[in-house]
Amino acid sequence: MEIETVKNNVKKILSKYKETRNDDGKLLDNYYNEYFINYFDERIENYNNKCSIETIIRMRRFWQSRGEYLPTLKTIMRRRRLANKFKLYFRKLK
């Protein structure tokens, strides 16, 4: 499966189901239900047509790094802001 297809599919899921912005498990569940209805029932030979779990999660990170489809939970947003402050602080130390 092409990266651009996965990227666009993840974008659709993130916009349709806001809870997927906070939870990788929910993102994966919704992604497979939306695009691979019988994903787990198919034979393993068809696995090459699927995308990896890491690719789906990476695409969520891609969209969120661009400031789109940000998490809706305040604790996650707060944790990311704190992580960014640490990054800036340690860059100044160098």
PDB file of N, CA and C in Angstrom:
ATOM      1  N   MET A   1       0.848  -1.168   0.000  1.00  0.00           N
ATOM      2  CA  MET A   1       0.000   0.000   0.000  1.00  0.00           C
ATOM      3  C   MET A   1       0.898   1.237   0.000  1.00  0.00           C
ATOM      4  N   GLU A   2       0.540   2.213  -0.783  1.00  0.00           N
ATOM      5  CA  GLU A   2       1.361   3.414  -0.915  1.00  0.00           C
ATOM      6  C   GLU A   2       1.218   4.317   0.306  1.00  0.00           C
ATOM      7  N   ILE A   3       2.323   4.985   0.615  1.00  0.00           N
ATOM      8  CA  ILE A   3       2.366   5.888   1.774  1.00  0.00           C
ATOM      9  C   ILE A   3       1.328   7.001   1.648  1.00  0.00           C
ATOM     10  N   GLU A   4       1.179   7.573   0.454  1.00  0.00           N
ATOM     11  CA  GLU A   4       0.220   8.666   0.272  1.00  0.00           C
ATOM     12  C   GLU A   4      -1.207   8.198   0.568  1.00  0.00           C
ATOM     13  N   THR A   5      -1.514   6.975   0.205  1.00  0.00           N
ATOM     14  CA  THR A   5      -2.836   6.427   0.483  1.00  0.00           C
ATOM     15  C   THR A   5      -3.052   6.302   1.985  1.00  0.00           C
ATOM     16  N   VAL A   6      -2.052   5.748   2.682  1.00  0.00           N
ATOM     17  CA  VAL A   6      -2.148   5.606   4.134  1.00  0.00           C
ATOM     18  C   VAL A   6      -2.259   6.979   4.784  1.00  0.00           C
ATOM     19  N   LYS A   7      -1.464   7.928   4.319  1.00  0.00           N
ATOM     20  CA  LYS A   7      -1.490   9.284   4.873  1.00  0.00           C
ATOM     21  C   LYS A   7      -2.883   9.897   4.754  1.00  0.00           C
ATOM     22  N   ASN A   8      -3.495   9.759   3.593  1.00  0.00           N
ATOM     23  CA  ASN A   8      -4.831  10.314   3.384  1.00  0.00           C
ATOM     24  C   ASN A   8      -5.895   9.554   4.179  1.00  0.00           C
ATOM     25  N   ASN A   9      -5.742   8.243   4.272  1.00  0.00           N
ATOM     26  CA  ASN A   9      -6.692   7.454   5.056  1.00  0.00           C
ATOM     27  C   ASN A   9      -6.628   7.828   6.530  1.00  0.00           C
ATOM     28  N   VAL A  10      -5.429   7.998   7.066  1.00  0.00           N
ATOM     29  CA  VAL A  10      -5.271   8.392   8.473  1.00  0.00           C
ATOM     30  C   VAL A  10      -5.863   9.780   8.697  1.00  0.00           C
ATOM     31  N   LYS A  11      -5.656  10.666   7.760  1.00  0.00           N
ATOM     32  CA  LYS A  11      -6.224  12.021   7.863  1.00  0.00           C
ATOM     33  C   LYS A  11      -7.748  11.955   7.965  1.00  0.00           C
ATOM     34  N   LYS A  12      -8.359  11.109   7.151  1.00  0.00           N
ATOM     35  CA  LYS A  12      -9.823  10.957   7.187  1.00  0.00           C
ATOM     36  C   LYS A  12     -10.282  10.402   8.536  1.00  0.00           C
ATOM     37  N   ILE A  13      -9.571   9.413   9.045  1.00  0.00           N
ATOM     38  CA  ILE A  13      -9.925   8.814  10.338  1.00  0.00           C
ATOM     39  C   ILE A  13      -9.789   9.849  11.454  1.00  0.00           C
ATOM     40  N   LEU A  14      -8.686  10.600  11.465  1.00  0.00           N
ATOM     41  CA  LEU A  14      -8.463  11.605  12.509  1.00  0.00           C
ATOM     42  C   LEU A  14      -9.527  12.695  12.491  1.00  0.00           C
ATOM     43  N   SER A  15      -9.996  13.047  11.301  1.00  0.00           N
ATOM     44  CA  SER A  15     -11.024  14.083  11.230  1.00  0.00           C
ATOM     45  C   SER A  15     -12.404  13.541  11.578  1.00  0.00           C
ATOM     46  N   LYS A  16     -12.653  12.280  11.269  1.00  0.00           N
ATOM     47  CA  LYS A  16     -13.969  11.671  11.516  1.00  0.00           C
ATOM     48  C   LYS A  16     -14.154  11.236  12.967  1.00  0.00           C
ATOM     49  N   TYR A  17     -13.093  10.684  13.572  1.00  0.00           N
ATOM     50  CA  TYR A  17     -13.160  10.155  14.941  1.00  0.00           C
ATOM     51  C   TYR A  17     -12.138  10.881  15.819  1.00  0.00           C
ATOM     52  N   LYS A  18     -12.560  11.901  16.521  1.00  0.00           N
ATOM     53  CA  LYS A  18     -11.629  12.729  17.305  1.00  0.00           C
ATOM     54  C   LYS A  18     -10.902  11.956  18.397  1.00  0.00           C
ATOM     55  N   GLU A  19     -11.526  10.902  18.933  1.00  0.00           N
ATOM     56  CA  GLU A  19     -10.877  10.125  19.995  1.00  0.00           C
ATOM     57  C   GLU A  19      -9.627   9.412  19.492  1.00  0.00           C
ATOM     58  N   THR A  20      -9.506   9.231  18.174  1.00  0.00           N
ATOM     59  CA  THR A  20      -8.322   8.562  17.623  1.00  0.00           C
ATOM     60  C   THR A  20      -7.082   9.444  17.684  1.00  0.00           C
ATOM     61  N   ARG A  21      -7.256  10.722  17.933  1.00  0.00           N
ATOM     62  CA  ARG A  21      -6.120  11.638  18.037  1.00  0.00           C
ATOM     63  C   ARG A  21      -5.332  11.408  19.319  1.00  0.00           C
ATOM     64  N   ASN A  22      -5.968  10.772  20.304  1.00  0.00           N
ATOM     65  CA  ASN A  22      -5.343  10.557  21.606  1.00  0.00           C
ATOM     66  C   ASN A  22      -4.875   9.126  21.826  1.00  0.00           C
ATOM     67  N   ASP A  23      -5.357   8.198  21.042  1.00  0.00           N
ATOM     68  CA  ASP A  23      -5.177   6.784  21.355  1.00  0.00           C
ATOM     69  C   ASP A  23      -4.827   5.996  20.094  1.00  0.00           C
ATOM     70  N   ASP A  24      -3.603   5.458  20.063  1.00  0.00           N
ATOM     71  CA  ASP A  24      -3.167   4.685  18.895  1.00  0.00           C
ATOM     72  C   ASP A  24      -4.014   3.436  18.696  1.00  0.00           C
ATOM     73  N   GLY A  25      -4.441   2.808  19.777  1.00  0.00           N
ATOM     74  CA  GLY A  25      -5.276   1.613  19.670  1.00  0.00           C
ATOM     75  C   GLY A  25      -6.599   1.914  18.971  1.00  0.00           C
ATOM     76  N   LYS A  26      -7.216   3.025  19.336  1.00  0.00           N
ATOM     77  CA  LYS A  26      -8.470   3.424  18.695  1.00  0.00           C
ATOM     78  C   LYS A  26      -8.238   3.800  17.238  1.00  0.00           C
ATOM     79  N   LEU A  27      -7.111   4.444  16.972  1.00  0.00           N
ATOM     80  CA  LEU A  27      -6.771   4.781  15.593  1.00  0.00           C
ATOM     81  C   LEU A  27      -6.645   3.512  14.755  1.00  0.00           C
ATOM     82  N   LEU A  28      -5.905   2.550  15.248  1.00  0.00           N
ATOM     83  CA  LEU A  28      -5.707   1.299  14.507  1.00  0.00           C
ATOM     84  C   LEU A  28      -7.031   0.559  14.327  1.00  0.00           C
ATOM     85  N   ASP A  29      -7.822   0.499  15.371  1.00  0.00           N
ATOM     86  CA  ASP A  29      -9.111  -0.186  15.300  1.00  0.00           C
ATOM     87  C   ASP A  29     -10.007   0.456  14.241  1.00  0.00           C
ATOM     88  N   ASN A  30     -10.124   1.768  14.291  1.00  0.00           N
ATOM     89  CA  ASN A  30     -10.954   2.470  13.311  1.00  0.00           C
ATOM     90  C   ASN A  30     -10.393   2.363  11.899  1.00  0.00           C
ATOM     91  N   TYR A  31      -9.073   2.422  11.779  1.00  0.00           N
ATOM     92  CA  TYR A  31      -8.446   2.326  10.462  1.00  0.00           C
ATOM     93  C   TYR A  31      -8.761   0.976   9.826  1.00  0.00           C
ATOM     94  N   TYR A  32      -8.532  -0.096  10.565  1.00  0.00           N
ATOM     95  CA  TYR A  32      -8.769  -1.425  10.009  1.00  0.00           C
ATOM     96  C   TYR A  32     -10.256  -1.683   9.771  1.00  0.00           C
ATOM     97  N   ASN A  33     -11.112  -1.176  10.639  1.00  0.00           N
ATOM     98  CA  ASN A  33     -12.555  -1.339  10.416  1.00  0.00           C
ATOM     99  C   ASN A  33     -13.022  -0.566   9.191  1.00  0.00           C
ATOM    100  N   GLU A  34     -12.428   0.590   8.969  1.00  0.00           N
ATOM    101  CA  GLU A  34     -12.833   1.443   7.857  1.00  0.00           C
ATOM    102  C   GLU A  34     -12.297   0.933   6.510  1.00  0.00           C
ATOM    103  N   TYR A  35     -11.056   0.483   6.503  1.00  0.00           N
ATOM    104  CA  TYR A  35     -10.416   0.163   5.221  1.00  0.00           C
ATOM    105  C   TYR A  35     -10.181  -1.323   4.988  1.00  0.00           C
ATOM    106  N   PHE A  36     -10.241  -2.113   6.037  1.00  0.00           N
ATOM    107  CA  PHE A  36     -10.060  -3.561   5.900  1.00  0.00           C
ATOM    108  C   PHE A  36     -11.111  -4.250   6.761  1.00  0.00           C
ATOM    109  N   ILE A  37     -12.319  -4.292   6.297  1.00  0.00           N
ATOM    110  CA  ILE A  37     -13.438  -4.797   7.082  1.00  0.00           C
ATOM    111  C   ILE A  37     -13.150  -6.167   7.684  1.00  0.00           C
ATOM    112  N   ASN A  38     -12.630  -7.070   6.903  1.00  0.00           N
ATOM    113  CA  ASN A  38     -12.362  -8.426   7.377  1.00  0.00           C
ATOM    114  C   ASN A  38     -10.869  -8.654   7.567  1.00  0.00           C
ATOM    115  N   TYR A  39     -10.178  -7.654   8.037  1.00  0.00           N
ATOM    116  CA  TYR A  39      -8.714  -7.707   8.117  1.00  0.00           C
ATOM    117  C   TYR A  39      -8.206  -8.944   8.846  1.00  0.00           C
ATOM    118  N   PHE A  40      -8.729  -9.227  10.016  1.00  0.00           N
ATOM    119  CA  PHE A  40      -8.198 -10.327  10.808  1.00  0.00           C
ATOM    120  C   PHE A  40      -8.734 -11.680  10.361  1.00  0.00           C
ATOM    121  N   ASP A  41      -9.758 -11.692   9.542  1.00  0.00           N
ATOM    122  CA  ASP A  41     -10.303 -12.946   9.041  1.00  0.00           C
ATOM    123  C   ASP A  41      -9.619 -13.403   7.754  1.00  0.00           C
ATOM    124  N   GLU A  42      -8.901 -12.488   7.107  1.00  0.00           N
ATOM    125  CA  GLU A  42      -8.252 -12.844   5.845  1.00  0.00           C
ATOM    126  C   GLU A  42      -7.068 -13.762   6.083  1.00  0.00           C
ATOM    127  N   ARG A  43      -6.699 -14.467   5.054  1.00  0.00           N
ATOM    128  CA  ARG A  43      -5.549 -15.353   5.163  1.00  0.00           C
ATOM    129  C   ARG A  43      -4.268 -14.528   5.173  1.00  0.00           C
ATOM    130  N   ILE A  44      -3.261 -15.070   5.794  1.00  0.00           N
ATOM    131  CA  ILE A  44      -1.986 -14.355   5.964  1.00  0.00           C
ATOM    132  C   ILE A  44      -1.322 -14.039   4.627  1.00  0.00           C
ATOM    133  N   GLU A  45      -1.654 -14.760   3.585  1.00  0.00           N
ATOM    134  CA  GLU A  45      -1.063 -14.506   2.264  1.00  0.00           C
ATOM    135  C   GLU A  45      -1.421 -13.127   1.745  1.00  0.00           C
ATOM    136  N   ASN A  46      -2.542 -12.593   2.182  1.00  0.00           N
ATOM    137  CA  ASN A  46      -2.970 -11.268   1.728  1.00  0.00           C
ATOM    138  C   ASN A  46      -2.370 -10.146   2.556  1.00  0.00           C
ATOM    139  N   TYR A  47      -1.499 -10.479   3.483  1.00  0.00           N
ATOM    140  CA  TYR A  47      -0.942  -9.480   4.390  1.00  0.00           C
ATOM    141  C   TYR A  47      -0.146  -8.405   3.649  1.00  0.00           C
ATOM    142  N   ASN A  48       0.453  -8.746   2.524  1.00  0.00           N
ATOM    143  CA  ASN A  48       1.264  -7.776   1.786  1.00  0.00           C
ATOM    144  C   ASN A  48       0.451  -6.584   1.304  1.00  0.00           C
ATOM    145  N   ASN A  49      -0.849  -6.738   1.187  1.00  0.00           N
ATOM    146  CA  ASN A  49      -1.693  -5.629   0.745  1.00  0.00           C
ATOM    147  C   ASN A  49      -2.018  -4.660   1.876  1.00  0.00           C
ATOM    148  N   LYS A  50      -1.662  -5.007   3.081  1.00  0.00           N
ATOM    149  CA  LYS A  50      -1.966  -4.177   4.239  1.00  0.00           C
ATOM    150  C   LYS A  50      -0.772  -3.276   4.564  1.00  0.00           C
ATOM    151  N   CYS A  51      -1.027  -2.284   5.362  1.00  0.00           N
ATOM    152  CA  CYS A  51       0.075  -1.442   5.816  1.00  0.00           C
ATOM    153  C   CYS A  51       0.375  -1.815   7.260  1.00  0.00           C
ATOM    154  N   SER A  52       1.565  -1.497   7.695  1.00  0.00           N
ATOM    155  CA  SER A  52       1.981  -1.881   9.040  1.00  0.00           C
ATOM    156  C   SER A  52       1.375  -0.947  10.088  1.00  0.00           C
ATOM    157  N   ILE A  53       1.316  -1.440  11.285  1.00  0.00           N
ATOM    158  CA  ILE A  53       0.837  -0.650  12.413  1.00  0.00           C
ATOM    159  C   ILE A  53       1.703   0.588  12.579  1.00  0.00           C
ATOM    160  N   GLU A  54       3.013   0.405  12.430  1.00  0.00           N
ATOM    161  CA  GLU A  54       3.943   1.530  12.590  1.00  0.00           C
ATOM    162  C   GLU A  54       3.678   2.627  11.563  1.00  0.00           C
ATOM    163  N   THR A  55       3.319   2.241  10.352  1.00  0.00           N
ATOM    164  CA  THR A  55       3.050   3.232   9.307  1.00  0.00           C
ATOM    165  C   THR A  55       1.827   4.062   9.660  1.00  0.00           C
ATOM    166  N   ILE A  56       0.792   3.430  10.158  1.00  0.00           N
ATOM    167  CA  ILE A  56      -0.427   4.157  10.529  1.00  0.00           C
ATOM    168  C   ILE A  56      -0.136   5.135  11.662  1.00  0.00           C
ATOM    169  N   ILE A  57       0.581   4.685  12.674  1.00  0.00           N
ATOM    170  CA  ILE A  57       0.924   5.558  13.803  1.00  0.00           C
ATOM    171  C   ILE A  57       1.849   6.685  13.346  1.00  0.00           C
ATOM    172  N   ARG A  58       2.782   6.377  12.474  1.00  0.00           N
ATOM    173  CA  ARG A  58       3.697   7.391  11.939  1.00  0.00           C
ATOM    174  C   ARG A  58       2.929   8.480  11.196  1.00  0.00           C
ATOM    175  N   MET A  59       1.887   8.098  10.476  1.00  0.00           N
ATOM    176  CA  MET A  59       1.094   9.081   9.732  1.00  0.00           C
ATOM    177  C   MET A  59       0.303   9.976  10.683  1.00  0.00           C
ATOM    178  N   ARG A  60      -0.154   9.437  11.825  1.00  0.00           N
ATOM    179  CA  ARG A  60      -0.801  10.294  12.827  1.00  0.00           C
ATOM    180  C   ARG A  60       0.193  11.332  13.341  1.00  0.00           C
ATOM    181  N   ARG A  61       1.402  10.877  13.637  1.00  0.00           N
ATOM    182  CA  ARG A  61       2.451  11.798  14.098  1.00  0.00           C
ATOM    183  C   ARG A  61       2.764  12.851  13.044  1.00  0.00           C
ATOM    184  N   PHE A  62       2.763  12.431  11.787  1.00  0.00           N
ATOM    185  CA  PHE A  62       3.015  13.359  10.673  1.00  0.00           C
ATOM    186  C   PHE A  62       1.997  14.498  10.698  1.00  0.00           C
ATOM    187  N   TRP A  63       0.709  14.150  10.757  1.00  0.00           N
ATOM    188  CA  TRP A  63      -0.328  15.184  10.734  1.00  0.00           C
ATOM    189  C   TRP A  63      -0.268  16.063  11.980  1.00  0.00           C
ATOM    190  N   GLN A  64      -0.007  15.449  13.126  1.00  0.00           N
ATOM    191  CA  GLN A  64       0.035  16.241  14.349  1.00  0.00           C
ATOM    192  C   GLN A  64       1.272  17.132  14.402  1.00  0.00           C
ATOM    193  N   SER A  65       2.369  16.709  13.791  1.00  0.00           N
ATOM    194  CA  SER A  65       3.567  17.556  13.763  1.00  0.00           C
ATOM    195  C   SER A  65       3.349  18.800  12.909  1.00  0.00           C
ATOM    196  N   ARG A  66       2.397  18.747  12.009  1.00  0.00           N
ATOM    197  CA  ARG A  66       2.049  19.888  11.175  1.00  0.00           C
ATOM    198  C   ARG A  66       0.975  20.767  11.819  1.00  0.00           C
ATOM    199  N   GLY A  67       0.594  20.411  13.037  1.00  0.00           N
ATOM    200  CA  GLY A  67      -0.384  21.205  13.759  1.00  0.00           C
ATOM    201  C   GLY A  67      -1.824  20.861  13.413  1.00  0.00           C
ATOM    202  N   GLU A  68      -2.039  19.766  12.706  1.00  0.00           N
ATOM    203  CA  GLU A  68      -3.385  19.341  12.342  1.00  0.00           C
ATOM    204  C   GLU A  68      -3.800  18.145  13.187  1.00  0.00           C
ATOM    205  N   TYR A  69      -5.083  18.049  13.452  1.00  0.00           N
ATOM    206  CA  TYR A  69      -5.650  16.904  14.172  1.00  0.00           C
ATOM    207  C   TYR A  69      -4.910  16.641  15.486  1.00  0.00           C
ATOM    208  N   LEU A  70      -4.739  17.709  16.243  1.00  0.00           N
ATOM    209  CA  LEU A  70      -4.029  17.625  17.517  1.00  0.00           C
ATOM    210  C   LEU A  70      -4.846  16.842  18.533  1.00  0.00           C
ATOM    211  N   PRO A  71      -4.185  16.320  19.570  1.00  0.00           N
ATOM    212  CA  PRO A  71      -4.907  15.572  20.605  1.00  0.00           C
ATOM    213  C   PRO A  71      -5.987  16.437  21.248  1.00  0.00           C
ATOM    214  N   THR A  72      -7.015  15.788  21.717  1.00  0.00           N
ATOM    215  CA  THR A  72      -8.099  16.528  22.361  1.00  0.00           C
ATOM    216  C   THR A  72      -7.995  16.489  23.878  1.00  0.00           C
ATOM    217  N   LEU A  73      -7.194  15.589  24.423  1.00  0.00           N
ATOM    218  CA  LEU A  73      -7.014  15.510  25.873  1.00  0.00           C
ATOM    219  C   LEU A  73      -6.002  16.550  26.335  1.00  0.00           C
ATOM    220  N   LYS A  74      -6.355  17.306  27.348  1.00  0.00           N
ATOM    221  CA  LYS A  74      -5.473  18.362  27.846  1.00  0.00           C
ATOM    222  C   LYS A  74      -4.178  17.802  28.419  1.00  0.00           C
ATOM    223  N   THR A  75      -4.237  16.618  29.026  1.00  0.00           N
ATOM    224  CA  THR A  75      -3.022  16.041  29.614  1.00  0.00           C
ATOM    225  C   THR A  75      -1.985  15.712  28.540  1.00  0.00           C
ATOM    226  N   ILE A  76      -2.436  15.234  27.406  1.00  0.00           N
ATOM    227  CA  ILE A  76      -1.505  14.926  26.315  1.00  0.00           C
ATOM    228  C   ILE A  76      -0.913  16.209  25.759  1.00  0.00           C
ATOM    229  N   MET A  77      -1.751  17.221  25.580  1.00  0.00           N
ATOM    230  CA  MET A  77      -1.262  18.499  25.058  1.00  0.00           C
ATOM    231  C   MET A  77      -0.258  19.124  26.025  1.00  0.00           C
ATOM    232  N   ARG A  78      -0.563  19.049  27.324  1.00  0.00           N
ATOM    233  CA  ARG A  78       0.330  19.610  28.339  1.00  0.00           C
ATOM    234  C   ARG A  78       1.678  18.872  28.335  1.00  0.00           C
ATOM    235  N   ARG A  79       1.632  17.558  28.228  1.00  0.00           N
ATOM    236  CA  ARG A  79       2.853  16.743  28.207  1.00  0.00           C
ATOM    237  C   ARG A  79       3.726  17.104  26.995  1.00  0.00           C
ATOM    238  N   ARG A  80       3.107  17.332  25.859  1.00  0.00           N
ATOM    239  CA  ARG A  80       3.873  17.695  24.662  1.00  0.00           C
ATOM    240  C   ARG A  80       4.482  19.084  24.779  1.00  0.00           C
ATOM    241  N   ARG A  81       3.726  20.022  25.365  1.00  0.00           N
ATOM    242  CA  ARG A  81       4.288  21.368  25.560  1.00  0.00           C
ATOM    243  C   ARG A  81       5.495  21.308  26.482  1.00  0.00           C
ATOM    244  N   LEU A  82       5.397  20.517  27.541  1.00  0.00           N
ATOM    245  CA  LEU A  82       6.511  20.368  28.475  1.00  0.00           C
ATOM    246  C   LEU A  82       7.713  19.725  27.783  1.00  0.00           C
ATOM    247  N   ALA A  83       7.482  18.723  26.967  1.00  0.00           N
ATOM    248  CA  ALA A  83       8.571  18.079  26.230  1.00  0.00           C
ATOM    249  C   ALA A  83       9.244  19.070  25.295  1.00  0.00           C
ATOM    250  N   ASN A  84       8.475  19.941  24.655  1.00  0.00           N
ATOM    251  CA  ASN A  84       9.054  20.957  23.773  1.00  0.00           C
ATOM    252  C   ASN A  84       9.883  21.970  24.553  1.00  0.00           C
ATOM    253  N   LYS A  85       9.432  22.323  25.749  1.00  0.00           N
ATOM    254  CA  LYS A  85      10.210  23.243  26.587  1.00  0.00           C
ATOM    255  C   LYS A  85      11.552  22.631  26.965  1.00  0.00           C
ATOM    256  N   PHE A  86      11.542  21.341  27.293  1.00  0.00           N
ATOM    257  CA  PHE A  86      12.793  20.653  27.610  1.00  0.00           C
ATOM    258  C   PHE A  86      13.732  20.633  26.407  1.00  0.00           C
ATOM    259  N   LYS A  87      13.190  20.372  25.242  1.00  0.00           N
ATOM    260  CA  LYS A  87      14.013  20.359  24.030  1.00  0.00           C
ATOM    261  C   LYS A  87      14.673  21.710  23.817  1.00  0.00           C
ATOM    262  N   LEU A  88      13.889  22.780  23.948  1.00  0.00           N
ATOM    263  CA  LEU A  88      14.436  24.123  23.769  1.00  0.00           C
ATOM    264  C   LEU A  88      15.497  24.435  24.817  1.00  0.00           C
ATOM    265  N   TYR A  89      15.253  24.040  26.042  1.00  0.00           N
ATOM    266  CA  TYR A  89      16.196  24.278  27.135  1.00  0.00           C
ATOM    267  C   TYR A  89      17.530  23.565  26.857  1.00  0.00           C
ATOM    268  N   PHE A  90      17.459  22.303  26.459  1.00  0.00           N
ATOM    269  CA  PHE A  90      18.692  21.551  26.230  1.00  0.00           C
ATOM    270  C   PHE A  90      19.424  22.014  24.968  1.00  0.00           C
ATOM    271  N   ARG A  91      18.707  22.543  24.004  1.00  0.00           N
ATOM    272  CA  ARG A  91      19.369  23.119  22.837  1.00  0.00           C
ATOM    273  C   ARG A  91      20.187  24.346  23.219  1.00  0.00           C
ATOM    274  N   LYS A  92      19.661  25.133  24.154  1.00  0.00           N
ATOM    275  CA  LYS A  92      20.373  26.316  24.611  1.00  0.00           C
ATOM    276  C   LYS A  92      21.650  25.959  25.367  1.00  0.00           C
ATOM    277  N   LEU A  93      21.662  24.807  26.033  1.00  0.00           N
ATOM    278  CA  LEU A  93      22.825  24.385  26.790  1.00  0.00           C
ATOM    279  C   LEU A  93      23.998  23.998  25.898  1.00  0.00           C
ATOM    280  N   LYS A  94      23.710  23.617  24.675  1.00  0.00           N
ATOM    281  CA  LYS A  94      24.786  23.164  23.763  1.00  0.00           C
ATOM    282  C   LYS A  94      25.660  24.275  23.306  1.00  0.00           C
TER     283      LYS A  94
END
